[in-house]
C-alpha cells in the first residue's frame, strides 16, 4: 500500500504534463486544418519530382 504514495503523485504529474502538452498543441494551431492534409494526399497537383 505504500507504493500508492509514489504512484498517485507520479500519475497526476504525468496526466498534468499530457494536458499541458495538449493545450500547447491546440494553441499553436496544429489542429486547424485536419481535412486539408487528407485532400492534399489525394490531389494530383503536387509534384514530388520537380523538373526545375
PDB file of N, CA and C in Angstrom:
ATOM      1  N   UNK A   1       0.809  -1.204   0.000  1.00  0.00           N
ATOM      2  CA  UNK A   1       0.000   0.000   0.000  1.00  0.00           C
ATOM      3  C   UNK A   1       0.849   1.264   0.000  1.00  0.00           C
ATOM      4  N   UNK A   2       2.068   1.162   0.444  1.00  0.00           N
ATOM      5  CA  UNK A   2       2.910   2.343   0.473  1.00  0.00           C
ATOM      6  C   UNK A   2       3.338   2.756  -0.934  1.00  0.00           C
ATOM      7  N   UNK A   3       3.278   1.818  -1.875  1.00  0.00           N
ATOM      8  CA  UNK A   3       3.637   2.142  -3.255  1.00  0.00           C
ATOM      9  C   UNK A   3       2.652   3.148  -3.853  1.00  0.00           C
ATOM     10  N   UNK A   4       1.412   3.154  -3.350  1.00  0.00           N
ATOM     11  CA  UNK A   4       0.426   4.120  -3.847  1.00  0.00           C
ATOM     12  C   UNK A   4       0.824   5.556  -3.515  1.00  0.00           C
ATOM     13  N   UNK A   5       1.573   5.733  -2.451  1.00  0.00           N
ATOM     14  CA  UNK A   5       2.048   7.069  -2.101  1.00  0.00           C
ATOM     15  C   UNK A   5       3.009   7.608  -3.163  1.00  0.00           C
ATOM     16  N   UNK A   6       3.627   6.720  -3.917  1.00  0.00           N
ATOM     17  CA  UNK A   6       4.507   7.129  -5.010  1.00  0.00           C
ATOM     18  C   UNK A   6       3.767   7.176  -6.351  1.00  0.00           C
ATOM     19  N   UNK A   7       2.916   6.193  -6.580  1.00  0.00           N
ATOM     20  CA  UNK A   7       2.274   6.074  -7.883  1.00  0.00           C
ATOM     21  C   UNK A   7       1.223   7.150  -8.139  1.00  0.00           C
ATOM     22  N   UNK A   8       0.464   7.536  -7.141  1.00  0.00           N
ATOM     23  CA  UNK A   8      -0.584   8.536  -7.342  1.00  0.00           C
ATOM     24  C   UNK A   8       0.004   9.894  -7.715  1.00  0.00           C
ATOM     25  N   UNK A   9       1.000  10.419  -7.013  1.00  0.00           N
ATOM     26  CA  UNK A   9       1.580  11.705  -7.455  1.00  0.00           C
ATOM     27  C   UNK A   9       2.262  11.627  -8.819  1.00  0.00           C
ATOM     28  N   UNK A  10       2.899  10.499  -9.098  1.00  0.00           N
ATOM     29  CA  UNK A  10       3.540  10.345 -10.403  1.00  0.00           C
ATOM     30  C   UNK A  10       2.501  10.345 -11.513  1.00  0.00           C
ATOM     31  N   UNK A  11       1.391   9.630 -11.312  1.00  0.00           N
ATOM     32  CA  UNK A  11       0.355   9.589 -12.343  1.00  0.00           C
ATOM     33  C   UNK A  11      -0.322  10.945 -12.505  1.00  0.00           C
ATOM     34  N   UNK A  12      -0.526  11.666 -11.428  1.00  0.00           N
ATOM     35  CA  UNK A  12      -1.101  13.007 -11.530  1.00  0.00           C
ATOM     36  C   UNK A  12      -0.153  13.953 -12.259  1.00  0.00           C
ATOM     37  N   UNK A  13       1.132  13.837 -12.001  1.00  0.00           N
ATOM     38  CA  UNK A  13       2.117  14.661 -12.686  1.00  0.00           C
ATOM     39  C   UNK A  13       2.141  14.356 -14.185  1.00  0.00           C
ATOM     40  N   UNK A  14       2.143  13.072 -14.546  1.00  0.00           N
ATOM     41  CA  UNK A  14       2.175  12.702 -15.964  1.00  0.00           C
ATOM     42  C   UNK A  14       0.884  13.106 -16.673  1.00  0.00           C
ATOM     43  N   UNK A  15      -0.244  12.985 -15.994  1.00  0.00           N
ATOM     44  CA  UNK A  15      -1.503  13.431 -16.577  1.00  0.00           C
ATOM     45  C   UNK A  15      -1.522  14.931 -16.801  1.00  0.00           C
ATOM     46  N   UNK A  16      -1.008  15.681 -15.832  1.00  0.00           N
ATOM     47  CA  UNK A  16      -0.905  17.135 -15.989  1.00  0.00           C
ATOM     48  C   UNK A  16       0.042  17.526 -17.103  1.00  0.00           C
ATOM     49  N   UNK A  17       1.130  16.787 -17.237  1.00  0.00           N
ATOM     50  CA  UNK A  17       2.085  17.043 -18.306  1.00  0.00           C
ATOM     51  C   UNK A  17       1.446  16.797 -19.679  1.00  0.00           C
ATOM     52  N   UNK A  18       0.670  15.740 -19.783  1.00  0.00           N
ATOM     53  CA  UNK A  18      -0.044  15.470 -21.032  1.00  0.00           C
ATOM     54  C   UNK A  18      -1.067  16.537 -21.346  1.00  0.00           C
ATOM     55  N   UNK A  19      -1.758  17.025 -20.320  1.00  0.00           N
ATOM     56  CA  UNK A  19      -2.739  18.098 -20.516  1.00  0.00           C
ATOM     57  C   UNK A  19      -2.063  19.379 -20.979  1.00  0.00           C
ATOM     58  N   UNK A  20      -0.931  19.711 -20.386  1.00  0.00           N
ATOM     59  CA  UNK A  20      -0.186  20.910 -20.794  1.00  0.00           C
ATOM     60  C   UNK A  20       0.293  20.766 -22.237  1.00  0.00           C
ATOM     61  N   UNK A  21       0.765  19.595 -22.607  1.00  0.00           N
ATOM     62  CA  UNK A  21       1.216  19.367 -23.986  1.00  0.00           C
ATOM     63  C   UNK A  21       0.054  19.495 -24.963  1.00  0.00           C
ATOM     64  N   UNK A  22      -1.113  18.965 -24.602  1.00  0.00           N
ATOM     65  CA  UNK A  22      -2.277  19.069 -25.470  1.00  0.00           C
ATOM     66  C   UNK A  22      -2.712  20.524 -25.628  1.00  0.00           C
ATOM     67  N   UNK A  23      -2.756  21.267 -24.543  1.00  0.00           N
ATOM     68  CA  UNK A  23      -3.151  22.682 -24.613  1.00  0.00           C
ATOM     69  C   UNK A  23      -2.157  23.462 -25.464  1.00  0.00           C
ATOM     70  N   UNK A  24      -0.872  23.144 -25.347  1.00  0.00           N
ATOM     71  CA  UNK A  24       0.142  23.816 -26.167  1.00  0.00           C
ATOM     72  C   UNK A  24      -0.091  23.546 -27.654  1.00  0.00           C
ATOM     73  N   UNK A  25      -0.398  22.308 -28.022  1.00  0.00           N
ATOM     74  CA  UNK A  25      -0.610  21.998 -29.436  1.00  0.00           C
ATOM     75  C   UNK A  25      -1.873  22.650 -29.969  1.00  0.00           C
ATOM     76  N   UNK A  26      -2.908  22.759 -29.140  1.00  0.00           N
ATOM     77  CA  UNK A  26      -4.137  23.425 -29.578  1.00  0.00           C
ATOM     78  C   UNK A  26      -3.878  24.911 -29.803  1.00  0.00           C
ATOM     79  N   UNK A  27      -3.160  25.551 -28.890  1.00  0.00           N
ATOM     80  CA  UNK A  27      -2.894  26.992 -29.020  1.00  0.00           C
ATOM     81  C   UNK A  27      -1.924  27.307 -30.152  1.00  0.00           C
ATOM     82  N   UNK A  28      -1.064  26.365 -30.513  1.00  0.00           N
ATOM     83  CA  UNK A  28      -0.123  26.627 -31.600  1.00  0.00           C
ATOM     84  C   UNK A  28      -0.736  26.379 -32.972  1.00  0.00           C
ATOM     85  N   UNK A  29      -1.983  25.887 -33.012  1.00  0.00           N
ATOM     86  CA  UNK A  29      -2.700  25.757 -34.282  1.00  0.00           C
ATOM     87  C   UNK A  29      -2.436  24.483 -35.045  1.00  0.00           C
ATOM     88  N   UNK A  30      -2.024  23.426 -34.394  1.00  0.00           N
ATOM     89  CA  UNK A  30      -1.725  22.193 -35.108  1.00  0.00           C
ATOM     90  C   UNK A  30      -2.966  21.430 -35.545  1.00  0.00           C
ATOM     91  N   UNK A  31      -4.141  21.788 -35.035  1.00  0.00           N
ATOM     92  CA  UNK A  31      -5.368  21.087 -35.379  1.00  0.00           C
ATOM     93  C   UNK A  31      -6.307  21.974 -36.196  1.00  0.00           C
ATOM     94  N   UNK A  32      -5.787  23.016 -36.821  1.00  0.00           N
ATOM     95  CA  UNK A  32      -6.635  23.963 -37.538  1.00  0.00           C
ATOM     96  C   UNK A  32      -7.223  23.392 -38.820  1.00  0.00           C
ATOM     97  N   UNK A  33      -6.490  22.582 -39.550  1.00  0.00           N
ATOM     98  CA  UNK A  33      -6.944  22.104 -40.861  1.00  0.00           C
ATOM     99  C   UNK A  33      -6.783  20.589 -40.967  1.00  0.00           C
ATOM    100  N   UNK A  34      -7.591  19.800 -40.260  1.00  0.00           N
ATOM    101  CA  UNK A  34      -7.422  18.346 -40.338  1.00  0.00           C
ATOM    102  C   UNK A  34      -7.884  17.756 -41.671  1.00  0.00           C
ATOM    103  N   UNK A  35      -8.782  18.426 -42.375  1.00  0.00           N
ATOM    104  CA  UNK A  35      -9.276  17.902 -43.645  1.00  0.00           C
ATOM    105  C   UNK A  35      -8.327  18.220 -44.800  1.00  0.00           C
ATOM    106  N   UNK A  36      -7.564  19.272 -44.673  1.00  0.00           N
ATOM    107  CA  UNK A  36      -6.694  19.684 -45.768  1.00  0.00           C
ATOM    108  C   UNK A  36      -5.626  18.670 -46.112  1.00  0.00           C
ATOM    109  N   UNK A  37      -5.014  18.064 -45.116  1.00  0.00           N
ATOM    110  CA  UNK A  37      -3.973  17.071 -45.382  1.00  0.00           C
ATOM    111  C   UNK A  37      -4.518  15.868 -46.125  1.00  0.00           C
ATOM    112  N   UNK A  38      -5.701  15.412 -45.745  1.00  0.00           N
ATOM    113  CA  UNK A  38      -6.261  14.237 -46.412  1.00  0.00           C
ATOM    114  C   UNK A  38      -6.616  14.559 -47.859  1.00  0.00           C
ATOM    115  N   UNK A  39      -7.028  15.777 -48.130  1.00  0.00           N
ATOM    116  CA  UNK A  39      -7.342  16.149 -49.519  1.00  0.00           C
ATOM    117  C   UNK A  39      -6.068  16.350 -50.335  1.00  0.00           C
ATOM    118  N   UNK A  40      -5.011  16.860 -49.706  1.00  0.00           N
ATOM    119  CA  UNK A  40      -3.750  17.054 -50.431  1.00  0.00           C
ATOM    120  C   UNK A  40      -3.108  15.722 -50.804  1.00  0.00           C
ATOM    121  N   UNK A  41      -3.321  14.689 -50.006  1.00  0.00           N
ATOM    122  CA  UNK A  41      -2.754  13.379 -50.332  1.00  0.00           C
ATOM    123  C   UNK A  41      -3.378  12.837 -51.613  1.00  0.00           C
ATOM    124  N   UNK A  42      -4.683  13.058 -51.791  1.00  0.00           N
ATOM    125  CA  UNK A  42      -5.393  12.517 -52.941  1.00  0.00           C
ATOM    126  C   UNK A  42      -5.290  13.403 -54.175  1.00  0.00           C
ATOM    127  N   UNK A  43      -4.768  14.601 -54.025  1.00  0.00           N
ATOM    128  CA  UNK A  43      -4.695  15.542 -55.131  1.00  0.00           C
ATOM    129  C   UNK A  43      -3.511  15.220 -56.038  1.00  0.00           C
ATOM    130  N   UNK A  44      -3.699  15.453 -57.328  1.00  0.00           N
ATOM    131  CA  UNK A  44      -2.624  15.249 -58.300  1.00  0.00           C
ATOM    132  C   UNK A  44      -1.830  16.517 -58.555  1.00  0.00           C
ATOM    133  N   UNK A  45      -2.168  17.609 -57.875  1.00  0.00           N
ATOM    134  CA  UNK A  45      -1.490  18.879 -58.102  1.00  0.00           C
ATOM    135  C   UNK A  45      -0.060  18.887 -57.586  1.00  0.00           C
ATOM    136  N   UNK A  46       0.241  18.053 -56.612  1.00  0.00           N
ATOM    137  CA  UNK A  46       1.573  18.048 -56.014  1.00  0.00           C
ATOM    138  C   UNK A  46       2.517  17.201 -56.841  1.00  0.00           C
ATOM    139  N   UNK A  47       3.656  17.779 -57.197  1.00  0.00           N
ATOM    140  CA  UNK A  47       4.673  17.071 -57.977  1.00  0.00           C
ATOM    141  C   UNK A  47       5.865  16.808 -57.068  1.00  0.00           C
ATOM    142  N   UNK A  48       6.071  15.572 -56.673  1.00  0.00           N
ATOM    143  CA  UNK A  48       7.157  15.256 -55.760  1.00  0.00           C
ATOM    144  C   UNK A  48       8.489  15.084 -56.494  1.00  0.00           C
ATOM    145  N   UNK A  49       8.489  15.221 -57.791  1.00  0.00           N
ATOM    146  CA  UNK A  49       9.727  15.126 -58.562  1.00  0.00           C
ATOM    147  C   UNK A  49       9.773  16.308 -59.521  1.00  0.00           C
ATOM    148  N   UNK A  50      10.071  17.526 -59.027  1.00  0.00           N
ATOM    149  CA  UNK A  50      10.032  18.706 -59.898  1.00  0.00           C
ATOM    150  C   UNK A  50      11.145  18.671 -60.952  1.00  0.00           C
ATOM    151  N   UNK A  51      10.861  19.267 -62.098  1.00  0.00           N
ATOM    152  CA  UNK A  51      11.801  19.259 -63.212  1.00  0.00           C
ATOM    153  C   UNK A  51      12.770  20.434 -63.180  1.00  0.00           C
ATOM    154  N   UNK A  52      12.522  21.418 -62.277  1.00  0.00           N
ATOM    155  CA  UNK A  52      13.306  22.654 -62.230  1.00  0.00           C
ATOM    156  C   UNK A  52      14.625  22.462 -61.625  1.00  0.00           C
TER     157      UNK A  52
END
